[in-house]
Amino acid sequence: MNNNWIFTTQTCFLTGGQNRRFGYGYSSFKGKRASVEDFFETQIAEVEGQMVAFFGVFDGHGGSTTAEYVKNNLFKNLSSHPLTDADYLAEDKGQQKDAGSTASTALLVENRLIVANVGDSRVVACRSGSGLLQELVKAYGVAAKSLILFKKTSRINFACFHSFKMQRVM
């Protein structure tokens, strides 16, 4: 893999936020391609009396439709209720059928961090100033489920979501 993009000079948008419990930040800059099919999302909300933070990077392919839909709907659907088949099918009408998306997500519920990915996007973490990156979810085939849960005693100082097309790091 060619990592030359790390050393290029480009305009980079850096932002973030914090609350009483944690701080977060993200950065985004456009890669060399003319089209952008990638999105990211951060949401912090109280859900059923618990503080919930959602972070995700969605790498679209075959168009931006699916990645944008996931960005706009995944947290809302996770925090309210699962869509019924009828709701999903109604929303699916008229969508671009050959579009898709990878996803790298982290859901922080109080003191538990749940990380999942779909496709070739990955989530990594750096623990307690070690400077070493650790992949949080082992790569599996498309049909495999990928999920990791950190217990309350684990401390995550840095988590990284990356999409090569948009060169996004969160």
N, C-alpha and C. Protein backbone atom coordinates (compact mmCIF):
# COMPACT_ATOMS: atom_id res chain seq x y z
N MET A 1 0.85 -1.18 0.00
CA MET A 1 0.00 0.00 0.00
C MET A 1 0.89 1.24 0.00
N ASN A 2 0.53 2.21 -0.79
CA ASN A 2 1.29 3.44 -0.91
C ASN A 2 0.74 4.47 0.07
N ASN A 3 1.55 4.91 1.01
CA ASN A 3 1.12 5.88 2.02
C ASN A 3 1.61 7.29 1.73
N ASN A 4 1.97 7.59 0.49
CA ASN A 4 2.50 8.91 0.16
C ASN A 4 1.54 10.04 0.47
N TRP A 5 0.24 9.75 0.46
CA TRP A 5 -0.74 10.80 0.73
C TRP A 5 -0.56 11.43 2.10
N ILE A 6 0.05 10.71 3.03
CA ILE A 6 0.25 11.23 4.38
C ILE A 6 1.15 12.47 4.35
N PHE A 7 2.07 12.50 3.42
CA PHE A 7 3.07 13.56 3.40
C PHE A 7 2.77 14.67 2.40
N THR A 8 1.62 14.62 1.74
CA THR A 8 1.28 15.67 0.79
C THR A 8 0.72 16.89 1.52
N THR A 9 0.89 18.04 0.92
CA THR A 9 0.34 19.27 1.49
C THR A 9 -1.03 19.50 0.87
N GLN A 10 -2.07 19.47 1.70
CA GLN A 10 -3.42 19.69 1.23
C GLN A 10 -4.18 20.48 2.29
N THR A 11 -5.24 21.14 1.85
CA THR A 11 -6.12 21.79 2.80
C THR A 11 -6.85 20.73 3.58
N CYS A 12 -6.81 20.83 4.88
CA CYS A 12 -7.40 19.82 5.75
C CYS A 12 -8.33 20.53 6.73
N PHE A 13 -9.55 20.05 6.83
CA PHE A 13 -10.52 20.63 7.75
C PHE A 13 -10.51 19.81 9.03
N LEU A 14 -10.22 20.45 10.14
CA LEU A 14 -10.11 19.78 11.42
C LEU A 14 -11.11 20.39 12.38
N THR A 15 -11.88 19.55 13.02
CA THR A 15 -12.88 20.03 13.96
C THR A 15 -13.14 18.94 15.00
N GLY A 16 -14.00 19.22 15.94
CA GLY A 16 -14.31 18.23 16.97
C GLY A 16 -15.16 18.86 18.04
N GLY A 17 -15.15 18.23 19.19
CA GLY A 17 -15.93 18.72 20.30
C GLY A 17 -15.59 17.97 21.57
N GLN A 18 -16.23 18.35 22.64
CA GLN A 18 -16.04 17.62 23.89
C GLN A 18 -17.22 17.88 24.80
N ASN A 19 -17.37 16.98 25.75
CA ASN A 19 -18.38 17.16 26.79
C ASN A 19 -17.70 16.88 28.12
N ARG A 20 -18.46 16.64 29.17
CA ARG A 20 -17.85 16.41 30.49
C ARG A 20 -17.08 15.09 30.55
N ARG A 21 -17.34 14.17 29.63
CA ARG A 21 -16.76 12.83 29.72
C ARG A 21 -15.60 12.58 28.78
N PHE A 22 -15.60 13.18 27.60
CA PHE A 22 -14.54 12.89 26.63
C PHE A 22 -14.49 13.99 25.57
N GLY A 23 -13.39 14.00 24.85
CA GLY A 23 -13.23 14.89 23.71
C GLY A 23 -13.04 14.06 22.46
N TYR A 24 -13.34 14.63 21.31
CA TYR A 24 -13.15 13.92 20.05
C TYR A 24 -12.83 14.93 18.96
N GLY A 25 -12.25 14.46 17.90
CA GLY A 25 -11.95 15.32 16.77
C GLY A 25 -11.95 14.53 15.49
N TYR A 26 -12.04 15.23 14.38
CA TYR A 26 -11.96 14.56 13.10
C TYR A 26 -11.39 15.52 12.07
N SER A 27 -10.86 14.93 11.03
CA SER A 27 -10.22 15.68 9.98
C SER A 27 -10.69 15.11 8.64
N SER A 28 -10.78 15.96 7.64
CA SER A 28 -11.23 15.52 6.33
C SER A 28 -10.54 16.33 5.25
N PHE A 29 -10.08 15.67 4.21
CA PHE A 29 -9.62 16.38 3.02
C PHE A 29 -9.87 15.53 1.79
N LYS A 30 -10.09 16.20 0.68
CA LYS A 30 -10.43 15.53 -0.56
C LYS A 30 -9.19 14.91 -1.18
N GLY A 31 -9.32 13.67 -1.62
CA GLY A 31 -8.24 12.97 -2.31
C GLY A 31 -8.12 13.42 -3.75
N LYS A 32 -7.48 12.58 -4.56
CA LYS A 32 -7.19 12.94 -5.95
C LYS A 32 -8.36 12.72 -6.90
N ARG A 33 -9.35 11.94 -6.51
CA ARG A 33 -10.48 11.67 -7.40
C ARG A 33 -11.40 12.88 -7.53
N ALA A 34 -12.06 12.96 -8.69
CA ALA A 34 -12.98 14.08 -8.93
C ALA A 34 -14.25 13.96 -8.11
N SER A 35 -14.72 12.73 -7.90
CA SER A 35 -15.97 12.54 -7.15
C SER A 35 -15.69 12.12 -5.72
N VAL A 36 -16.58 12.50 -4.83
CA VAL A 36 -16.48 12.13 -3.43
C VAL A 36 -17.70 11.29 -3.09
N GLU A 37 -17.47 10.06 -2.64
CA GLU A 37 -18.56 9.15 -2.29
C GLU A 37 -18.52 8.77 -0.82
N ASP A 38 -17.75 9.49 -0.04
CA ASP A 38 -17.52 9.12 1.35
C ASP A 38 -18.13 10.14 2.30
N PHE A 39 -18.54 9.66 3.47
CA PHE A 39 -19.15 10.52 4.47
C PHE A 39 -18.68 10.08 5.85
N PHE A 40 -18.77 10.98 6.82
CA PHE A 40 -18.53 10.61 8.21
C PHE A 40 -19.61 11.24 9.07
N GLU A 41 -19.79 10.70 10.27
CA GLU A 41 -20.83 11.20 11.15
C GLU A 41 -20.38 11.11 12.60
N THR A 42 -20.71 12.11 13.39
CA THR A 42 -20.54 12.07 14.84
C THR A 42 -21.86 12.51 15.45
N GLN A 43 -22.34 11.77 16.41
CA GLN A 43 -23.59 12.09 17.11
C GLN A 43 -23.39 11.79 18.59
N ILE A 44 -23.80 12.68 19.45
CA ILE A 44 -23.79 12.44 20.89
C ILE A 44 -25.17 12.78 21.40
N ALA A 45 -25.78 11.82 22.10
CA ALA A 45 -27.16 12.01 22.55
C ALA A 45 -27.39 11.20 23.82
N GLU A 46 -28.47 11.55 24.51
CA GLU A 46 -28.91 10.73 25.63
C GLU A 46 -30.00 9.81 25.08
N VAL A 47 -29.80 8.51 25.26
CA VAL A 47 -30.75 7.51 24.79
C VAL A 47 -31.15 6.65 25.98
N GLU A 48 -32.41 6.68 26.32
CA GLU A 48 -32.94 5.92 27.46
C GLU A 48 -32.12 6.15 28.72
N GLY A 49 -31.78 7.41 28.98
CA GLY A 49 -31.07 7.79 30.19
C GLY A 49 -29.57 7.54 30.18
N GLN A 50 -29.02 7.08 29.08
CA GLN A 50 -27.58 6.84 28.99
C GLN A 50 -26.96 7.75 27.93
N MET A 51 -25.72 8.20 28.20
CA MET A 51 -24.99 8.99 27.23
C MET A 51 -24.49 8.03 26.15
N VAL A 52 -24.80 8.34 24.89
CA VAL A 52 -24.39 7.51 23.77
C VAL A 52 -23.69 8.39 22.75
N ALA A 53 -22.51 7.95 22.32
CA ALA A 53 -21.78 8.67 21.27
C ALA A 53 -21.58 7.72 20.10
N PHE A 54 -21.84 8.21 18.91
CA PHE A 54 -21.72 7.41 17.69
C PHE A 54 -20.73 8.09 16.76
N PHE A 55 -19.78 7.33 16.24
CA PHE A 55 -18.80 7.83 15.29
C PHE A 55 -18.74 6.85 14.12
N GLY A 56 -18.72 7.35 12.90
CA GLY A 56 -18.68 6.45 11.75
C GLY A 56 -18.06 7.09 10.53
N VAL A 57 -17.42 6.25 9.72
CA VAL A 57 -16.91 6.64 8.41
C VAL A 57 -17.52 5.67 7.41
N PHE A 58 -18.07 6.20 6.32
CA PHE A 58 -18.79 5.41 5.33
C PHE A 58 -18.17 5.66 3.96
N ASP A 59 -17.58 4.64 3.39
CA ASP A 59 -16.84 4.71 2.13
C ASP A 59 -17.73 4.19 1.01
N GLY A 60 -18.34 5.11 0.27
CA GLY A 60 -19.26 4.73 -0.79
C GLY A 60 -18.55 4.19 -2.02
N HIS A 61 -19.26 3.35 -2.77
CA HIS A 61 -18.76 2.88 -4.07
C HIS A 61 -19.95 2.73 -5.01
N GLY A 62 -19.72 3.02 -6.29
CA GLY A 62 -20.80 2.98 -7.26
C GLY A 62 -21.76 4.14 -7.09
N GLY A 63 -21.30 5.20 -6.50
CA GLY A 63 -22.13 6.37 -6.21
C GLY A 63 -22.14 6.65 -4.72
N SER A 64 -22.61 7.82 -4.36
CA SER A 64 -22.59 8.23 -2.95
C SER A 64 -23.89 7.93 -2.22
N THR A 65 -24.89 7.42 -2.93
CA THR A 65 -26.23 7.25 -2.37
C THR A 65 -26.26 6.44 -1.08
N THR A 66 -25.65 5.27 -1.10
CA THR A 66 -25.71 4.38 0.07
C THR A 66 -24.93 4.97 1.24
N ALA A 67 -23.72 5.46 1.00
CA ALA A 67 -22.92 6.02 2.08
C ALA A 67 -23.62 7.21 2.73
N GLU A 68 -24.24 8.05 1.92
CA GLU A 68 -24.96 9.21 2.46
C GLU A 68 -26.18 8.76 3.26
N TYR A 69 -26.89 7.74 2.76
CA TYR A 69 -28.05 7.23 3.48
C TYR A 69 -27.64 6.67 4.85
N VAL A 70 -26.55 5.89 4.88
CA VAL A 70 -26.08 5.32 6.14
C VAL A 70 -25.67 6.43 7.10
N LYS A 71 -24.95 7.43 6.60
CA LYS A 71 -24.55 8.57 7.44
C LYS A 71 -25.76 9.24 8.07
N ASN A 72 -26.80 9.45 7.28
CA ASN A 72 -27.97 10.18 7.76
C ASN A 72 -28.93 9.35 8.60
N ASN A 73 -28.86 8.02 8.54
CA ASN A 73 -29.89 7.20 9.17
C ASN A 73 -29.42 6.17 10.19
N LEU A 74 -28.16 5.73 10.15
CA LEU A 74 -27.75 4.62 11.00
C LEU A 74 -27.92 4.92 12.49
N PHE A 75 -27.40 6.04 12.97
CA PHE A 75 -27.52 6.34 14.40
C PHE A 75 -28.98 6.53 14.80
N LYS A 76 -29.73 7.25 13.99
CA LYS A 76 -31.15 7.48 14.28
C LYS A 76 -31.88 6.14 14.41
N ASN A 77 -31.61 5.22 13.49
CA ASN A 77 -32.29 3.93 13.53
C ASN A 77 -31.81 3.07 14.70
N LEU A 78 -30.52 3.11 15.00
CA LEU A 78 -30.00 2.35 16.14
C LEU A 78 -30.58 2.86 17.46
N SER A 79 -30.72 4.17 17.57
CA SER A 79 -31.15 4.75 18.85
C SER A 79 -32.66 4.76 19.03
N SER A 80 -33.42 4.59 17.98
CA SER A 80 -34.88 4.59 18.15
C SER A 80 -35.44 3.18 18.08
N HIS A 81 -35.39 2.56 16.94
CA HIS A 81 -35.88 1.20 16.78
C HIS A 81 -35.42 0.68 15.43
N PRO A 82 -35.32 -0.65 15.30
CA PRO A 82 -34.94 -1.19 13.99
C PRO A 82 -36.05 -0.94 12.96
N LEU A 83 -35.64 -0.69 11.75
CA LEU A 83 -36.63 -0.52 10.69
C LEU A 83 -37.34 -1.84 10.42
N THR A 84 -38.61 -1.78 10.15
CA THR A 84 -39.31 -2.98 9.71
C THR A 84 -39.01 -3.21 8.24
N ASP A 85 -39.26 -4.42 7.77
CA ASP A 85 -39.03 -4.72 6.36
C ASP A 85 -39.81 -3.77 5.46
N ALA A 86 -41.05 -3.48 5.82
CA ALA A 86 -41.88 -2.59 4.99
C ALA A 86 -41.28 -1.19 4.94
N ASP A 87 -40.80 -0.68 6.08
CA ASP A 87 -40.18 0.65 6.11
C ASP A 87 -38.94 0.69 5.23
N TYR A 88 -38.12 -0.35 5.35
CA TYR A 88 -36.88 -0.41 4.57
C TYR A 88 -37.19 -0.47 3.08
N LEU A 89 -38.12 -1.34 2.69
CA LEU A 89 -38.46 -1.48 1.28
C LEU A 89 -39.05 -0.20 0.71
N ALA A 90 -39.85 0.51 1.49
CA ALA A 90 -40.41 1.78 1.04
C ALA A 90 -39.30 2.80 0.81
N GLU A 91 -38.32 2.84 1.69
CA GLU A 91 -37.20 3.76 1.57
C GLU A 91 -36.31 3.38 0.39
N ASP A 92 -36.22 2.09 0.09
CA ASP A 92 -35.33 1.56 -0.94
C ASP A 92 -35.80 1.87 -2.36
N LYS A 93 -37.09 2.13 -2.54
CA LYS A 93 -37.61 2.39 -3.89
C LYS A 93 -36.94 3.61 -4.50
N GLY A 94 -36.50 3.46 -5.73
CA GLY A 94 -35.90 4.57 -6.45
C GLY A 94 -34.43 4.79 -6.12
N GLN A 95 -33.85 3.98 -5.26
CA GLN A 95 -32.44 4.14 -4.92
C GLN A 95 -31.56 3.54 -6.02
N GLN A 96 -30.34 3.99 -6.09
CA GLN A 96 -29.37 3.47 -7.04
C GLN A 96 -28.98 2.06 -6.61
N LYS A 97 -29.32 1.04 -7.40
CA LYS A 97 -29.18 -0.36 -6.99
C LYS A 97 -27.75 -0.87 -7.00
N ASP A 98 -26.83 -0.24 -7.73
CA ASP A 98 -25.46 -0.74 -7.75
C ASP A 98 -24.54 0.01 -6.79
N ALA A 99 -25.09 0.89 -5.99
CA ALA A 99 -24.30 1.64 -5.01
C ALA A 99 -24.19 0.84 -3.73
N GLY A 100 -23.10 1.04 -3.01
CA GLY A 100 -22.90 0.38 -1.73
C GLY A 100 -22.00 1.22 -0.86
N SER A 101 -21.64 0.68 0.30
CA SER A 101 -20.79 1.42 1.22
C SER A 101 -20.12 0.48 2.19
N THR A 102 -18.88 0.78 2.53
CA THR A 102 -18.27 0.15 3.69
C THR A 102 -18.65 1.01 4.88
N ALA A 103 -18.39 0.52 6.08
CA ALA A 103 -18.67 1.30 7.28
C ALA A 103 -17.69 0.91 8.38
N SER A 104 -17.15 1.89 9.05
CA SER A 104 -16.38 1.69 10.27
C SER A 104 -17.06 2.53 11.34
N THR A 105 -17.50 1.88 12.41
CA THR A 105 -18.29 2.59 13.41
C THR A 105 -17.81 2.30 14.82
N ALA A 106 -18.04 3.24 15.69
CA ALA A 106 -17.80 3.07 17.12
C ALA A 106 -19.00 3.64 17.85
N LEU A 107 -19.49 2.90 18.81
CA LEU A 107 -20.63 3.32 19.61
C LEU A 107 -20.17 3.28 21.07
N LEU A 108 -20.13 4.44 21.70
CA LEU A 108 -19.74 4.55 23.10
C LEU A 108 -21.01 4.70 23.91
N VAL A 109 -21.30 3.69 24.74
CA VAL A 109 -22.49 3.70 25.59
C VAL A 109 -21.98 3.71 27.03
N GLU A 110 -22.10 4.90 27.67
CA GLU A 110 -21.53 5.10 29.01
C GLU A 110 -20.05 4.72 28.98
N ASN A 111 -19.65 3.60 29.61
CA ASN A 111 -18.23 3.21 29.66
C ASN A 111 -17.91 2.02 28.76
N ARG A 112 -18.79 1.68 27.84
CA ARG A 112 -18.55 0.56 26.93
C ARG A 112 -18.35 1.08 25.51
N LEU A 113 -17.31 0.61 24.85
CA LEU A 113 -17.03 0.98 23.47
C LEU A 113 -17.29 -0.24 22.58
N ILE A 114 -18.20 -0.09 21.64
CA ILE A 114 -18.53 -1.16 20.71
C ILE A 114 -18.07 -0.71 19.33
N VAL A 115 -17.25 -1.51 18.68
CA VAL A 115 -16.67 -1.17 17.39
C VAL A 115 -17.07 -2.22 16.37
N ALA A 116 -17.45 -1.79 15.18
CA ALA A 116 -17.83 -2.73 14.12
C ALA A 116 -17.42 -2.16 12.77
N ASN A 117 -17.16 -3.05 11.83
CA ASN A 117 -16.90 -2.60 10.47
C ASN A 117 -17.51 -3.56 9.46
N VAL A 118 -17.82 -3.00 8.30
CA VAL A 118 -18.33 -3.77 7.17
C VAL A 118 -17.49 -3.37 5.97
N GLY A 119 -16.97 -4.34 5.23
CA GLY A 119 -16.16 -4.04 4.07
C GLY A 119 -14.70 -3.87 4.44
N ASP A 120 -13.95 -3.14 3.62
CA ASP A 120 -12.51 -3.04 3.82
C ASP A 120 -12.08 -1.82 4.63
N SER A 121 -12.99 -1.10 5.23
CA SER A 121 -12.65 -0.01 6.15
C SER A 121 -12.26 -0.60 7.49
N ARG A 122 -11.41 0.07 8.25
CA ARG A 122 -10.92 -0.46 9.51
C ARG A 122 -10.93 0.61 10.60
N VAL A 123 -10.96 0.15 11.85
CA VAL A 123 -10.87 0.99 13.03
C VAL A 123 -9.65 0.54 13.80
N VAL A 124 -8.81 1.49 14.22
CA VAL A 124 -7.64 1.16 15.03
C VAL A 124 -7.62 2.05 16.27
N ALA A 125 -6.85 1.63 17.28
CA ALA A 125 -6.74 2.41 18.51
C ALA A 125 -5.30 2.42 18.99
N CYS A 126 -4.98 3.42 19.76
CA CYS A 126 -3.68 3.52 20.42
C CYS A 126 -3.97 3.61 21.91
N ARG A 127 -3.39 2.70 22.69
CA ARG A 127 -3.68 2.64 24.12
C ARG A 127 -2.60 3.34 24.96
N SER A 128 -3.04 4.12 25.89
CA SER A 128 -2.21 4.70 26.95
C SER A 128 -0.85 5.20 26.50
N GLY A 129 -0.81 5.95 25.41
CA GLY A 129 0.42 6.58 24.99
C GLY A 129 1.48 5.66 24.45
N SER A 130 1.13 4.42 24.08
CA SER A 130 2.13 3.49 23.58
C SER A 130 2.63 3.88 22.20
N GLY A 131 1.82 4.63 21.45
CA GLY A 131 2.20 5.02 20.10
C GLY A 131 2.00 3.92 19.08
N LEU A 132 1.59 2.74 19.51
CA LEU A 132 1.37 1.62 18.59
C LEU A 132 -0.11 1.50 18.27
N LEU A 133 -0.41 1.38 17.00
CA LEU A 133 -1.80 1.23 16.58
C LEU A 133 -2.19 -0.24 16.65
N GLN A 134 -3.40 -0.48 17.10
CA GLN A 134 -3.93 -1.84 17.19
C GLN A 134 -5.25 -1.87 16.43
N GLU A 135 -5.37 -2.83 15.48
CA GLU A 135 -6.63 -2.98 14.77
C GLU A 135 -7.64 -3.57 15.73
N LEU A 136 -8.82 -2.96 15.84
CA LEU A 136 -9.80 -3.37 16.83
C LEU A 136 -10.71 -4.49 16.37
N VAL A 137 -10.93 -4.61 15.08
CA VAL A 137 -11.81 -5.65 14.56
C VAL A 137 -11.02 -6.46 13.55
N LYS A 138 -10.96 -7.76 13.77
CA LYS A 138 -10.24 -8.64 12.86
C LYS A 138 -10.96 -8.68 11.51
N ALA A 139 -10.20 -8.70 10.42
CA ALA A 139 -10.78 -8.74 9.08
C ALA A 139 -11.36 -10.12 8.80
N TYR A 140 -12.58 -10.15 8.34
CA TYR A 140 -13.27 -11.38 7.98
C TYR A 140 -13.86 -11.22 6.59
N GLY A 141 -14.46 -12.29 6.10
CA GLY A 141 -15.18 -12.24 4.83
C GLY A 141 -16.44 -11.40 4.97
N VAL A 142 -17.07 -11.14 3.86
CA VAL A 142 -18.26 -10.28 3.84
C VAL A 142 -19.36 -10.80 4.73
N ALA A 143 -19.55 -12.13 4.80
CA ALA A 143 -20.67 -12.69 5.56
C ALA A 143 -20.41 -12.74 7.06
N ALA A 144 -19.17 -12.54 7.49
CA ALA A 144 -18.84 -12.66 8.91
C ALA A 144 -19.26 -11.42 9.68
N LYS A 145 -19.60 -11.61 10.93
CA LYS A 145 -19.94 -10.49 11.80
C LYS A 145 -18.67 -10.03 12.50
N SER A 146 -18.45 -8.72 12.57
CA SER A 146 -17.27 -8.18 13.22
C SER A 146 -17.70 -7.23 14.32
N LEU A 147 -17.31 -7.52 15.54
CA LEU A 147 -17.70 -6.68 16.66
C LEU A 147 -16.71 -6.88 17.80
N ILE A 148 -16.35 -5.82 18.47
CA ILE A 148 -15.50 -5.94 19.65
C ILE A 148 -16.09 -5.04 20.73
N LEU A 149 -16.01 -5.49 21.96
CA LEU A 149 -16.55 -4.74 23.09
C LEU A 149 -15.43 -4.54 24.09
N PHE A 150 -15.15 -3.29 24.47
CA PHE A 150 -14.16 -3.00 25.49
C PHE A 150 -14.84 -2.87 26.83
N LYS A 151 -14.27 -3.49 27.85
CA LYS A 151 -14.85 -3.41 29.19
C LYS A 151 -14.54 -2.05 29.81
N LYS A 152 -15.20 -1.76 30.89
CA LYS A 152 -15.10 -0.47 31.57
C LYS A 152 -13.66 -0.13 31.94
N THR A 153 -12.84 -1.13 32.26
CA THR A 153 -11.48 -0.87 32.72
C THR A 153 -10.54 -0.49 31.59
N SER A 154 -10.90 -0.75 30.35
CA SER A 154 -10.03 -0.40 29.23
C SER A 154 -10.11 1.10 28.95
N ARG A 155 -8.97 1.69 28.63
CA ARG A 155 -8.94 3.12 28.31
C ARG A 155 -8.46 3.29 26.88
N ILE A 156 -9.26 3.92 26.07
CA ILE A 156 -8.90 4.18 24.68
C ILE A 156 -8.53 5.66 24.57
N ASN A 157 -7.28 5.92 24.20
CA ASN A 157 -6.84 7.30 24.05
C ASN A 157 -6.99 7.81 22.63
N PHE A 158 -7.09 6.91 21.66
CA PHE A 158 -7.13 7.33 20.28
C PHE A 158 -7.81 6.25 19.46
N ALA A 159 -8.76 6.62 18.68
CA ALA A 159 -9.37 5.69 17.73
C ALA A 159 -9.34 6.35 16.36
N CYS A 160 -9.09 5.58 15.35
CA CYS A 160 -8.91 6.11 14.01
C CYS A 160 -9.81 5.37 13.04
N PHE A 161 -10.56 6.12 12.26
CA PHE A 161 -11.36 5.56 11.19
C PHE A 161 -10.77 6.14 9.91
N HIS A 162 -10.59 5.32 8.90
CA HIS A 162 -9.92 5.84 7.71
C HIS A 162 -10.63 5.39 6.45
N SER A 163 -10.79 6.30 5.53
CA SER A 163 -11.31 6.02 4.20
C SER A 163 -10.31 6.59 3.20
N PHE A 164 -9.73 5.74 2.35
CA PHE A 164 -8.67 6.20 1.45
C PHE A 164 -9.15 7.18 0.39
N LYS A 165 -10.40 7.06 -0.08
CA LYS A 165 -10.85 7.95 -1.15
C LYS A 165 -10.96 9.39 -0.69
N MET A 166 -11.43 9.62 0.51
CA MET A 166 -11.60 10.98 1.02
C MET A 166 -10.49 11.34 2.00
N GLN A 167 -9.62 10.37 2.32
CA GLN A 167 -8.53 10.60 3.26
C GLN A 167 -9.06 11.16 4.56
N ARG A 168 -9.98 10.42 5.16
CA ARG A 168 -10.62 10.86 6.40
C ARG A 168 -10.02 10.15 7.59
N VAL A 169 -9.72 10.88 8.60
CA VAL A 169 -9.30 10.29 9.86
C VAL A 169 -10.14 10.90 10.95
N MET A 170 -10.65 10.07 11.81
CA MET A 170 -11.52 10.52 12.89
C MET A 170 -10.93 10.10 14.21
